[in-house]
Amino acid sequence: MGEGRAKELILLGRRLTAAEALAWGLVNRVAPAGVAVVDDAVAWVRPIAEGAPIAQAAALEAIDRGLDASLETGLMIEKVGYDKTIVTEDRREALAARAEKRPPRFQGK
């Protein structure tokens, strides 16, 4: 959020509205008015829950390890992660699902 805004919150001791928290980047999403927060949250994370866990783990690892790395190192980290996913049953399932025009059913294998 930045030093200035952090000091503002701490020194003024004020609470942010949901819209301010979203604008300041403290939250990624605010449920639309009239929508139950839990229902909105579940719908928002559904793509993660239904995603390919091996590929997701590789992507998160690449982000974590490559955040402060050089471009060359970051690309190498990304390739290592991709190489882990290319041999999985989940990748074959993704290709089959695409060819059959159906949602994939990932198993984490």
PDB file of N, CA and C in Angstrom:
ATOM      1  N   MET A   1       0.814  -1.195   0.000  1.00  0.00           N
ATOM      2  CA  MET A   1       0.000   0.000   0.000  1.00  0.00           C
ATOM      3  C   MET A   1       0.854   1.254   0.000  1.00  0.00           C
ATOM      4  N   GLY A   2       2.067   1.133   0.375  1.00  0.00           N
ATOM      5  CA  GLY A   2       2.956   2.286   0.407  1.00  0.00           C
ATOM      6  C   GLY A   2       3.081   2.858   1.804  1.00  0.00           C
ATOM      7  N   GLU A   3       4.224   3.492   2.021  1.00  0.00           N
ATOM      8  CA  GLU A   3       4.539   4.038   3.342  1.00  0.00           C
ATOM      9  C   GLU A   3       3.547   5.110   3.775  1.00  0.00           C
ATOM     10  N   GLY A   4       3.210   6.012   2.866  1.00  0.00           N
ATOM     11  CA  GLY A   4       2.327   7.121   3.217  1.00  0.00           C
ATOM     12  C   GLY A   4       0.955   6.660   3.656  1.00  0.00           C
ATOM     13  N   ARG A   5       0.384   5.743   2.920  1.00  0.00           N
ATOM     14  CA  ARG A   5      -0.947   5.247   3.290  1.00  0.00           C
ATOM     15  C   ARG A   5      -0.890   4.415   4.565  1.00  0.00           C
ATOM     16  N   ALA A   6       0.179   3.643   4.746  1.00  0.00           N
ATOM     17  CA  ALA A   6       0.318   2.874   5.979  1.00  0.00           C
ATOM     18  C   ALA A   6       0.354   3.814   7.182  1.00  0.00           C
ATOM     19  N   LYS A   7       1.124   4.888   7.070  1.00  0.00           N
ATOM     20  CA  LYS A   7       1.199   5.862   8.168  1.00  0.00           C
ATOM     21  C   LYS A   7      -0.153   6.525   8.395  1.00  0.00           C
ATOM     22  N   GLU A   8      -0.838   6.837   7.314  1.00  0.00           N
ATOM     23  CA  GLU A   8      -2.167   7.447   7.443  1.00  0.00           C
ATOM     24  C   GLU A   8      -3.105   6.558   8.247  1.00  0.00           C
ATOM     25  N   LEU A   9      -3.141   5.295   7.917  1.00  0.00           N
ATOM     26  CA  LEU A   9      -4.039   4.377   8.623  1.00  0.00           C
ATOM     27  C   LEU A   9      -3.647   4.229  10.085  1.00  0.00           C
ATOM     28  N   ILE A  10      -2.365   4.084  10.320  1.00  0.00           N
ATOM     29  CA  ILE A  10      -1.892   3.869  11.687  1.00  0.00           C
ATOM     30  C   ILE A  10      -2.085   5.121  12.536  1.00  0.00           C
ATOM     31  N   LEU A  11      -1.672   6.264  12.018  1.00  0.00           N
ATOM     32  CA  LEU A  11      -1.727   7.491  12.810  1.00  0.00           C
ATOM     33  C   LEU A  11      -3.136   8.033  12.977  1.00  0.00           C
ATOM     34  N   LEU A  12      -3.964   7.889  11.964  1.00  0.00           N
ATOM     35  CA  LEU A  12      -5.339   8.382  12.077  1.00  0.00           C
ATOM     36  C   LEU A  12      -6.255   7.356  12.726  1.00  0.00           C
ATOM     37  N   GLY A  13      -5.832   6.110  12.712  1.00  0.00           N
ATOM     38  CA  GLY A  13      -6.637   5.063  13.330  1.00  0.00           C
ATOM     39  C   GLY A  13      -8.012   4.913  12.710  1.00  0.00           C
ATOM     40  N   ARG A  14      -8.114   5.164  11.436  1.00  0.00           N
ATOM     41  CA  ARG A  14      -9.435   5.077  10.806  1.00  0.00           C
ATOM     42  C   ARG A  14      -9.595   3.765  10.053  1.00  0.00           C
ATOM     43  N   ARG A  15     -10.819   3.410   9.830  1.00  0.00           N
ATOM     44  CA  ARG A  15     -11.129   2.208   9.071  1.00  0.00           C
ATOM     45  C   ARG A  15     -11.377   2.581   7.616  1.00  0.00           C
ATOM     46  N   LEU A  16     -11.024   1.655   6.755  1.00  0.00           N
ATOM     47  CA  LEU A  16     -11.282   1.847   5.334  1.00  0.00           C
ATOM     48  C   LEU A  16     -12.632   1.265   4.970  1.00  0.00           C
ATOM     49  N   THR A  17     -13.267   1.864   3.984  1.00  0.00           N
ATOM     50  CA  THR A  17     -14.451   1.231   3.408  1.00  0.00           C
ATOM     51  C   THR A  17     -13.981   0.107   2.492  1.00  0.00           C
ATOM     52  N   ALA A  18     -14.890  -0.744   2.109  1.00  0.00           N
ATOM     53  CA  ALA A  18     -14.538  -1.831   1.186  1.00  0.00           C
ATOM     54  C   ALA A  18     -14.023  -1.262  -0.133  1.00  0.00           C
ATOM     55  N   ALA A  19     -14.643  -0.198  -0.603  1.00  0.00           N
ATOM     56  CA  ALA A  19     -14.211   0.414  -1.863  1.00  0.00           C
ATOM     57  C   ALA A  19     -12.802   0.989  -1.745  1.00  0.00           C
ATOM     58  N   GLU A  20     -12.482   1.606  -0.609  1.00  0.00           N
ATOM     59  CA  GLU A  20     -11.135   2.130  -0.406  1.00  0.00           C
ATOM     60  C   GLU A  20     -10.112   0.994  -0.341  1.00  0.00           C
ATOM     61  N   ALA A  21     -10.442  -0.074   0.376  1.00  0.00           N
ATOM     62  CA  ALA A  21      -9.527  -1.211   0.483  1.00  0.00           C
ATOM     63  C   ALA A  21      -9.247  -1.799  -0.902  1.00  0.00           C
ATOM     64  N   LEU A  22     -10.262  -1.863  -1.733  1.00  0.00           N
ATOM     65  CA  LEU A  22     -10.083  -2.366  -3.097  1.00  0.00           C
ATOM     66  C   LEU A  22      -9.221  -1.403  -3.910  1.00  0.00           C
ATOM     67  N   ALA A  23      -9.513  -0.121  -3.829  1.00  0.00           N
ATOM     68  CA  ALA A  23      -8.755   0.877  -4.583  1.00  0.00           C
ATOM     69  C   ALA A  23      -7.298   0.940  -4.139  1.00  0.00           C
ATOM     70  N   TRP A  24      -7.039   0.720  -2.868  1.00  0.00           N
ATOM     71  CA  TRP A  24      -5.684   0.772  -2.335  1.00  0.00           C
ATOM     72  C   TRP A  24      -4.920  -0.534  -2.542  1.00  0.00           C
ATOM     73  N   GLY A  25      -5.602  -1.543  -3.073  1.00  0.00           N
ATOM     74  CA  GLY A  25      -4.943  -2.820  -3.336  1.00  0.00           C
ATOM     75  C   GLY A  25      -4.793  -3.702  -2.106  1.00  0.00           C
ATOM     76  N   LEU A  26      -5.557  -3.427  -1.059  1.00  0.00           N
ATOM     77  CA  LEU A  26      -5.483  -4.246   0.151  1.00  0.00           C
ATOM     78  C   LEU A  26      -6.308  -5.523   0.019  1.00  0.00           C
ATOM     79  N   VAL A  27      -7.309  -5.502  -0.833  1.00  0.00           N
ATOM     80  CA  VAL A  27      -8.122  -6.680  -1.119  1.00  0.00           C
ATOM     81  C   VAL A  27      -8.195  -6.833  -2.634  1.00  0.00           C
ATOM     82  N   ASN A  28      -8.444  -8.037  -3.084  1.00  0.00           N
ATOM     83  CA  ASN A  28      -8.526  -8.305  -4.520  1.00  0.00           C
ATOM     84  C   ASN A  28      -9.939  -8.185  -5.060  1.00  0.00           C
ATOM     85  N   ARG A  29     -10.907  -8.278  -4.189  1.00  0.00           N
ATOM     86  CA  ARG A  29     -12.288  -8.277  -4.648  1.00  0.00           C
ATOM     87  C   ARG A  29     -13.193  -7.842  -3.512  1.00  0.00           C
ATOM     88  N   VAL A  30     -14.298  -7.189  -3.903  1.00  0.00           N
ATOM     89  CA  VAL A  30     -15.368  -6.843  -2.983  1.00  0.00           C
ATOM     90  C   VAL A  30     -16.642  -7.418  -3.588  1.00  0.00           C
ATOM     91  N   ALA A  31     -17.399  -8.148  -2.803  1.00  0.00           N
ATOM     92  CA  ALA A  31     -18.640  -8.738  -3.299  1.00  0.00           C
ATOM     93  C   ALA A  31     -19.588  -7.632  -3.759  1.00  0.00           C
ATOM     94  N   PRO A  32     -20.244  -7.833  -4.888  1.00  0.00           N
ATOM     95  CA  PRO A  32     -21.207  -6.842  -5.352  1.00  0.00           C
ATOM     96  C   PRO A  32     -22.361  -6.688  -4.357  1.00  0.00           C
ATOM     97  N   ALA A  33     -22.943  -5.513  -4.328  1.00  0.00           N
ATOM     98  CA  ALA A  33     -24.076  -5.258  -3.441  1.00  0.00           C
ATOM     99  C   ALA A  33     -25.184  -6.265  -3.721  1.00  0.00           C
ATOM    100  N   GLY A  34     -25.765  -6.770  -2.662  1.00  0.00           N
ATOM    101  CA  GLY A  34     -26.878  -7.697  -2.803  1.00  0.00           C
ATOM    102  C   GLY A  34     -26.473  -9.150  -3.011  1.00  0.00           C
ATOM    103  N   VAL A  35     -25.174  -9.414  -3.087  1.00  0.00           N
ATOM    104  CA  VAL A  35     -24.693 -10.779  -3.273  1.00  0.00           C
ATOM    105  C   VAL A  35     -24.068 -11.243  -1.957  1.00  0.00           C
ATOM    106  N   ALA A  36     -24.447 -12.432  -1.529  1.00  0.00           N
ATOM    107  CA  ALA A  36     -23.889 -12.975  -0.288  1.00  0.00           C
ATOM    108  C   ALA A  36     -22.385 -13.128  -0.446  1.00  0.00           C
ATOM    109  N   VAL A  37     -21.645 -12.656   0.539  1.00  0.00           N
ATOM    110  CA  VAL A  37     -20.179 -12.660   0.481  1.00  0.00           C
ATOM    111  C   VAL A  37     -19.638 -14.069   0.277  1.00  0.00           C
ATOM    112  N   VAL A  38     -20.166 -15.026   1.012  1.00  0.00           N
ATOM    113  CA  VAL A  38     -19.661 -16.398   0.893  1.00  0.00           C
ATOM    114  C   VAL A  38     -19.945 -16.955  -0.503  1.00  0.00           C
ATOM    115  N   ASP A  39     -21.152 -16.725  -1.017  1.00  0.00           N
ATOM    116  CA  ASP A  39     -21.486 -17.207  -2.362  1.00  0.00           C
ATOM    117  C   ASP A  39     -20.574 -16.577  -3.411  1.00  0.00           C
ATOM    118  N   ASP A  40     -20.308 -15.286  -3.263  1.00  0.00           N
ATOM    119  CA  ASP A  40     -19.430 -14.597  -4.205  1.00  0.00           C
ATOM    120  C   ASP A  40     -18.008 -15.134  -4.116  1.00  0.00           C
ATOM    121  N   ALA A  41     -17.530 -15.356  -2.899  1.00  0.00           N
ATOM    122  CA  ALA A  41     -16.170 -15.864  -2.706  1.00  0.00           C
ATOM    123  C   ALA A  41     -16.021 -17.258  -3.303  1.00  0.00           C
ATOM    124  N   VAL A  42     -17.008 -18.108  -3.085  1.00  0.00           N
ATOM    125  CA  VAL A  42     -16.958 -19.469  -3.628  1.00  0.00           C
ATOM    126  C   VAL A  42     -16.943 -19.428  -5.153  1.00  0.00           C
ATOM    127  N   ALA A  43     -17.787 -18.592  -5.740  1.00  0.00           N
ATOM    128  CA  ALA A  43     -17.812 -18.477  -7.207  1.00  0.00           C
ATOM    129  C   ALA A  43     -16.493 -17.921  -7.737  1.00  0.00           C
ATOM    130  N   TRP A  44     -15.903 -16.983  -7.001  1.00  0.00           N
ATOM    131  CA  TRP A  44     -14.656 -16.353  -7.444  1.00  0.00           C
ATOM    132  C   TRP A  44     -13.494 -17.332  -7.437  1.00  0.00           C
ATOM    133  N   VAL A  45     -13.443 -18.217  -6.444  1.00  0.00           N
ATOM    134  CA  VAL A  45     -12.318 -19.153  -6.356  1.00  0.00           C
ATOM    135  C   VAL A  45     -12.575 -20.476  -7.063  1.00  0.00           C
ATOM    136  N   ARG A  46     -13.765 -20.666  -7.602  1.00  0.00           N
ATOM    137  CA  ARG A  46     -14.085 -21.921  -8.287  1.00  0.00           C
ATOM    138  C   ARG A  46     -13.048 -22.293  -9.349  1.00  0.00           C
ATOM    139  N   PRO A  47     -12.587 -21.358 -10.197  1.00  0.00           N
ATOM    140  CA  PRO A  47     -11.575 -21.738 -11.190  1.00  0.00           C
ATOM    141  C   PRO A  47     -10.291 -22.285 -10.555  1.00  0.00           C
ATOM    142  N   ILE A  48      -9.947 -21.803  -9.378  1.00  0.00           N
ATOM    143  CA  ILE A  48      -8.771 -22.336  -8.687  1.00  0.00           C
ATOM    144  C   ILE A  48      -9.073 -23.745  -8.187  1.00  0.00           C
ATOM    145  N   ALA A  49     -10.222 -23.907  -7.555  1.00  0.00           N
ATOM    146  CA  ALA A  49     -10.592 -25.214  -6.999  1.00  0.00           C
ATOM    147  C   ALA A  49     -10.706 -26.278  -8.090  1.00  0.00           C
ATOM    148  N   GLU A  50     -11.135 -25.877  -9.274  1.00  0.00           N
ATOM    149  CA  GLU A  50     -11.315 -26.826 -10.368  1.00  0.00           C
ATOM    150  C   GLU A  50     -10.096 -26.890 -11.285  1.00  0.00           C
ATOM    151  N   GLY A  51      -9.066 -26.133 -10.971  1.00  0.00           N
ATOM    152  CA  GLY A  51      -7.876 -26.069 -11.812  1.00  0.00           C
ATOM    153  C   GLY A  51      -6.956 -27.260 -11.630  1.00  0.00           C
ATOM    154  N   ALA A  52      -5.904 -27.229 -12.392  1.00  0.00           N
ATOM    155  CA  ALA A  52      -4.909 -28.305 -12.385  1.00  0.00           C
ATOM    156  C   ALA A  52      -3.922 -28.063 -11.248  1.00  0.00           C
ATOM    157  N   PRO A  53      -3.985 -28.855 -10.182  1.00  0.00           N
ATOM    158  CA  PRO A  53      -3.169 -28.560  -9.005  1.00  0.00           C
ATOM    159  C   PRO A  53      -1.663 -28.607  -9.247  1.00  0.00           C
ATOM    160  N   ILE A  54      -1.193 -29.482 -10.095  1.00  0.00           N
ATOM    161  CA  ILE A  54       0.248 -29.552 -10.358  1.00  0.00           C
ATOM    162  C   ILE A  54       0.701 -28.296 -11.101  1.00  0.00           C
ATOM    163  N   ALA A  55      -0.062 -27.894 -12.097  1.00  0.00           N
ATOM    164  CA  ALA A  55       0.276 -26.683 -12.845  1.00  0.00           C
ATOM    165  C   ALA A  55       0.170 -25.446 -11.963  1.00  0.00           C
ATOM    166  N   GLN A  56      -0.840 -25.393 -11.114  1.00  0.00           N
ATOM    167  CA  GLN A  56      -0.989 -24.260 -10.212  1.00  0.00           C
ATOM    168  C   GLN A  56       0.184 -24.174  -9.245  1.00  0.00           C
ATOM    169  N   ALA A  57       0.595 -25.303  -8.708  1.00  0.00           N
ATOM    170  CA  ALA A  57       1.740 -25.313  -7.786  1.00  0.00           C
ATOM    171  C   ALA A  57       3.006 -24.870  -8.496  1.00  0.00           C
ATOM    172  N   ALA A  58       3.190 -25.323  -9.731  1.00  0.00           N
ATOM    173  CA  ALA A  58       4.369 -24.920 -10.500  1.00  0.00           C
ATOM    174  C   ALA A  58       4.347 -23.417 -10.771  1.00  0.00           C
ATOM    175  N   ALA A  59       3.183 -22.892 -11.093  1.00  0.00           N
ATOM    176  CA  ALA A  59       3.062 -21.456 -11.366  1.00  0.00           C
ATOM    177  C   ALA A  59       3.362 -20.633 -10.116  1.00  0.00           C
ATOM    178  N   LEU A  60       2.808 -21.046  -8.992  1.00  0.00           N
ATOM    179  CA  LEU A  60       3.056 -20.326  -7.741  1.00  0.00           C
ATOM    180  C   LEU A  60       4.526 -20.385  -7.348  1.00  0.00           C
ATOM    181  N   GLU A  61       5.138 -21.545  -7.541  1.00  0.00           N
ATOM    182  CA  GLU A  61       6.564 -21.672  -7.229  1.00  0.00           C
ATOM    183  C   GLU A  61       7.396 -20.759  -8.130  1.00  0.00           C
ATOM    184  N   ALA A  62       7.035 -20.699  -9.409  1.00  0.00           N
ATOM    185  CA  ALA A  62       7.775 -19.837 -10.333  1.00  0.00           C
ATOM    186  C   ALA A  62       7.650 -18.371  -9.927  1.00  0.00           C
ATOM    187  N   ILE A  63       6.464 -17.981  -9.509  1.00  0.00           N
ATOM    188  CA  ILE A  63       6.277 -16.598  -9.059  1.00  0.00           C
ATOM    189  C   ILE A  63       7.114 -16.332  -7.808  1.00  0.00           C
ATOM    190  N   ASP A  64       6.993 -17.223  -6.832  1.00  0.00           N
ATOM    191  CA  ASP A  64       7.718 -17.034  -5.568  1.00  0.00           C
ATOM    192  C   ASP A  64       9.231 -17.012  -5.776  1.00  0.00           C
ATOM    193  N   ARG A  65       9.746 -17.960  -6.539  1.00  0.00           N
ATOM    194  CA  ARG A  65      11.192 -18.051  -6.725  1.00  0.00           C
ATOM    195  C   ARG A  65      11.725 -17.017  -7.706  1.00  0.00           C
ATOM    196  N   GLY A  66      10.896 -16.590  -8.644  1.00  0.00           N
ATOM    197  CA  GLY A  66      11.371 -15.683  -9.676  1.00  0.00           C
ATOM    198  C   GLY A  66      11.138 -14.215  -9.411  1.00  0.00           C
ATOM    199  N   LEU A  67      10.448 -13.919  -8.337  1.00  0.00           N
ATOM    200  CA  LEU A  67      10.070 -12.535  -8.051  1.00  0.00           C
ATOM    201  C   LEU A  67      11.261 -11.584  -8.026  1.00  0.00           C
ATOM    202  N   ASP A  68      12.332 -11.988  -7.384  1.00  0.00           N
ATOM    203  CA  ASP A  68      13.506 -11.127  -7.274  1.00  0.00           C
ATOM    204  C   ASP A  68      14.663 -11.620  -8.137  1.00  0.00           C
ATOM    205  N   ALA A  69      14.370 -12.518  -9.063  1.00  0.00           N
ATOM    206  CA  ALA A  69      15.418 -13.096  -9.913  1.00  0.00           C
ATOM    207  C   ALA A  69      15.583 -12.281 -11.188  1.00  0.00           C
ATOM    208  N   SER A  70      16.695 -12.515 -11.858  1.00  0.00           N
ATOM    209  CA  SER A  70      16.900 -11.897 -13.166  1.00  0.00           C
ATOM    210  C   SER A  70      15.925 -12.519 -14.168  1.00  0.00           C
ATOM    211  N   LEU A  71      15.756 -11.882 -15.300  1.00  0.00           N
ATOM    212  CA  LEU A  71      14.876 -12.415 -16.337  1.00  0.00           C
ATOM    213  C   LEU A  71      15.338 -13.806 -16.754  1.00  0.00           C
ATOM    214  N   GLU A  72      16.630 -13.975 -16.958  1.00  0.00           N
ATOM    215  CA  GLU A  72      17.167 -15.270 -17.373  1.00  0.00           C
ATOM    216  C   GLU A  72      16.850 -16.347 -16.338  1.00  0.00           C
ATOM    217  N   THR A  73      17.072 -16.058 -15.085  1.00  0.00           N
ATOM    218  CA  THR A  73      16.790 -17.019 -14.023  1.00  0.00           C
ATOM    219  C   THR A  73      15.287 -17.283 -13.924  1.00  0.00           C
ATOM    220  N   GLY A  74      14.507 -16.237 -14.035  1.00  0.00           N
ATOM    221  CA  GLY A  74      13.052 -16.391 -13.991  1.00  0.00           C
ATOM    222  C   GLY A  74      12.535 -17.297 -15.096  1.00  0.00           C
ATOM    223  N   LEU A  75      13.069 -17.124 -16.290  1.00  0.00           N
ATOM    224  CA  LEU A  75      12.659 -17.978 -17.409  1.00  0.00           C
ATOM    225  C   LEU A  75      13.079 -19.427 -17.182  1.00  0.00           C
ATOM    226  N   MET A  76      14.247 -19.629 -16.584  1.00  0.00           N
ATOM    227  CA  MET A  76      14.706 -20.982 -16.284  1.00  0.00           C
ATOM    228  C   MET A  76      13.778 -21.627 -15.241  1.00  0.00           C
ATOM    229  N   ILE A  77      13.408 -20.875 -14.220  1.00  0.00           N
ATOM    230  CA  ILE A  77      12.505 -21.378 -13.183  1.00  0.00           C
ATOM    231  C   ILE A  77      11.161 -21.752 -13.812  1.00  0.00           C
ATOM    232  N   GLU A  78      10.677 -20.904 -14.702  1.00  0.00           N
ATOM    233  CA  GLU A  78       9.413 -21.175 -15.371  1.00  0.00           C
ATOM    234  C   GLU A  78       9.492 -22.450 -16.212  1.00  0.00           C
ATOM    235  N   LYS A  79      10.593 -22.638 -16.915  1.00  0.00           N
ATOM    236  CA  LYS A  79      10.764 -23.835 -17.743  1.00  0.00           C
ATOM    237  C   LYS A  79      10.801 -25.099 -16.890  1.00  0.00           C
ATOM    238  N   VAL A  80      11.471 -25.036 -15.753  1.00  0.00           N
ATOM    239  CA  VAL A  80      11.514 -26.193 -14.845  1.00  0.00           C
ATOM    240  C   VAL A  80      10.093 -26.550 -14.401  1.00  0.00           C
ATOM    241  N   GLY A  81       9.309 -25.556 -14.066  1.00  0.00           N
ATOM    242  CA  GLY A  81       7.920 -25.800 -13.672  1.00  0.00           C
ATOM    243  C   GLY A  81       7.102 -26.385 -14.805  1.00  0.00           C
ATOM    244  N   TYR A  82       7.284 -25.843 -15.999  1.00  0.00           N
ATOM    245  CA  TYR A  82       6.561 -26.366 -17.163  1.00  0.00           C
ATOM    246  C   TYR A  82       6.947 -27.813 -17.426  1.00  0.00           C
ATOM    247  N   ASP A  83       8.222 -28.105 -17.321  1.00  0.00           N
ATOM    248  CA  ASP A  83       8.684 -29.475 -17.543  1.00  0.00           C
ATOM    249  C   ASP A  83       8.048 -30.450 -16.557  1.00  0.00           C
ATOM    250  N   LYS A  84       7.760 -29.981 -15.346  1.00  0.00           N
ATOM    251  CA  LYS A  84       7.088 -30.836 -14.357  1.00  0.00           C
ATOM    252  C   LYS A  84       5.657 -31.153 -14.784  1.00  0.00           C
ATOM    253  N   THR A  85       5.020 -30.209 -15.448  1.00  0.00           N
ATOM    254  CA  THR A  85       3.607 -30.389 -15.802  1.00  0.00           C
ATOM    255  C   THR A  85       3.422 -31.156 -17.104  1.00  0.00           C
ATOM    256  N   ILE A  86       4.365 -31.088 -17.987  1.00  0.00           N
ATOM    257  CA  ILE A  86       4.206 -31.645 -19.330  1.00  0.00           C
ATOM    258  C   ILE A  86       4.010 -33.161 -19.321  1.00  0.00           C
ATOM    259  N   VAL A  87       4.525 -33.833 -18.297  1.00  0.00           N
ATOM    260  CA  VAL A  87       4.480 -35.299 -18.240  1.00  0.00           C
ATOM    261  C   VAL A  87       3.320 -35.819 -17.382  1.00  0.00           C
ATOM    262  N   THR A  88       2.439 -34.952 -16.928  1.00  0.00           N
ATOM    263  CA  THR A  88       1.397 -35.376 -15.992  1.00  0.00           C
ATOM    264  C   THR A  88       0.152 -35.889 -16.709  1.00  0.00           C
ATOM    265  N   GLU A  89      -0.601 -36.704 -15.974  1.00  0.00           N
ATOM    266  CA  GLU A  89      -1.903 -37.149 -16.463  1.00  0.00           C
ATOM    267  C   GLU A  89      -2.844 -35.951 -16.608  1.00  0.00           C
ATOM    268  N   ASP A  90      -2.707 -34.969 -15.721  1.00  0.00           N
ATOM    269  CA  ASP A  90      -3.555 -33.779 -15.804  1.00  0.00           C
ATOM    270  C   ASP A  90      -3.384 -33.059 -17.140  1.00  0.00           C
ATOM    271  N   ARG A  91      -2.166 -33.004 -17.646  1.00  0.00           N
ATOM    272  CA  ARG A  91      -1.955 -32.361 -18.947  1.00  0.00           C
ATOM    273  C   ARG A  91      -2.671 -33.133 -20.040  1.00  0.00           C
ATOM    274  N   ARG A  92      -2.564 -34.447 -19.996  1.00  0.00           N
ATOM    275  CA  ARG A  92      -3.262 -35.258 -21.001  1.00  0.00           C
ATOM    276  C   ARG A  92      -4.771 -35.074 -20.877  1.00  0.00           C
ATOM    277  N   GLU A  93      -5.254 -34.975 -19.653  1.00  0.00           N
ATOM    278  CA  GLU A  93      -6.678 -34.734 -19.427  1.00  0.00           C
ATOM    279  C   GLU A  93      -7.094 -33.374 -19.998  1.00  0.00           C
ATOM    280  N   ALA A  94      -6.264 -32.362 -19.819  1.00  0.00           N
ATOM    281  CA  ALA A  94      -6.586 -31.037 -20.358  1.00  0.00           C
ATOM    282  C   ALA A  94      -6.691 -31.072 -21.873  1.00  0.00           C
ATOM    283  N   LEU A  95      -5.755 -31.757 -22.514  1.00  0.00           N
ATOM    284  CA  LEU A  95      -5.789 -31.864 -23.972  1.00  0.00           C
ATOM    285  C   LEU A  95      -7.013 -32.642 -24.442  1.00  0.00           C
ATOM    286  N   ALA A  96      -7.330 -33.742 -23.758  1.00  0.00           N
ATOM    287  CA  ALA A  96      -8.504 -34.538 -24.122  1.00  0.00           C
ATOM    288  C   ALA A  96      -9.787 -33.730 -23.921  1.00  0.00           C
ATOM    289  N   ALA A  97      -9.871 -33.026 -22.816  1.00  0.00           N
ATOM    290  CA  ALA A  97     -11.065 -32.224 -22.536  1.00  0.00           C
ATOM    291  C   ALA A  97     -11.255 -31.146 -23.595  1.00  0.00           C
ATOM    292  N   ARG A  98     -10.171 -30.515 -23.995  1.00  0.00           N
ATOM    293  CA  ARG A  98     -10.272 -29.484 -25.027  1.00  0.00           C
ATOM    294  C   ARG A  98     -10.760 -30.087 -26.340  1.00  0.00           C
ATOM    295  N   ALA A  99     -10.197 -31.230 -26.713  1.00  0.00           N
ATOM    296  CA  ALA A  99     -10.590 -31.888 -27.963  1.00  0.00           C
ATOM    297  C   ALA A  99     -12.052 -32.331 -27.921  1.00  0.00           C
ATOM    298  N   GLU A 100     -12.499 -32.743 -26.749  1.00  0.00           N
ATOM    299  CA  GLU A 100     -13.873 -33.225 -26.589  1.00  0.00           C
ATOM    300  C   GLU A 100     -14.850 -32.109 -26.208  1.00  0.00           C
ATOM    301  N   LYS A 101     -14.339 -30.880 -26.095  1.00  0.00           N
ATOM    302  CA  LYS A 101     -15.151 -29.701 -25.770  1.00  0.00           C
ATOM    303  C   LYS A 101     -15.946 -29.899 -24.474  1.00  0.00           C
ATOM    304  N   ARG A 102     -15.205 -30.303 -23.435  1.00  0.00           N
ATOM    305  CA  ARG A 102     -15.804 -30.499 -22.111  1.00  0.00           C
ATOM    306  C   ARG A 102     -14.845 -29.942 -21.064  1.00  0.00           C
ATOM    307  N   PRO A 103     -15.364 -29.679 -19.869  1.00  0.00           N
ATOM    308  CA  PRO A 103     -14.473 -29.208 -18.804  1.00  0.00           C
ATOM    309  C   PRO A 103     -13.520 -30.326 -18.377  1.00  0.00           C
ATOM    310  N   PRO A 104     -12.288 -29.991 -18.086  1.00  0.00           N
ATOM    311  CA  PRO A 104     -11.349 -31.015 -17.613  1.00  0.00           C
ATOM    312  C   PRO A 104     -11.661 -31.441 -16.190  1.00  0.00           C
ATOM    313  N   ARG A 105     -11.274 -32.662 -15.875  1.00  0.00           N
ATOM    314  CA  ARG A 105     -11.415 -33.190 -14.514  1.00  0.00           C
ATOM    315  C   ARG A 105     -10.012 -33.564 -14.027  1.00  0.00           C
ATOM    316  N   PHE A 106      -9.393 -32.612 -13.343  1.00  0.00           N
ATOM    317  CA  PHE A 106      -8.012 -32.789 -12.898  1.00  0.00           C
ATOM    318  C   PHE A 106      -7.956 -33.644 -11.640  1.00  0.00           C
ATOM    319  N   GLN A 107      -6.919 -34.470 -11.550  1.00  0.00           N
ATOM    320  CA  GLN A 107      -6.767 -35.385 -10.425  1.00  0.00           C
ATOM    321  C   GLN A 107      -5.484 -35.115  -9.628  1.00  0.00           C
ATOM    322  N   GLY A 108      -4.673 -34.197 -10.102  1.00  0.00           N
ATOM    323  CA  GLY A 108      -3.402 -33.952  -9.409  1.00  0.00           C
ATOM    324  C   GLY A 108      -2.381 -35.059  -9.640  1.00  0.00           C
ATOM    325  N   LYS A 109      -2.475 -35.681 -10.807  1.00  0.00           N
ATOM    326  CA  LYS A 109      -1.559 -36.773 -11.149  1.00  0.00           C
ATOM    327  C   LYS A 109      -0.830 -36.451 -12.440  1.00  0.00           C
TER     328      LYS A 109
END
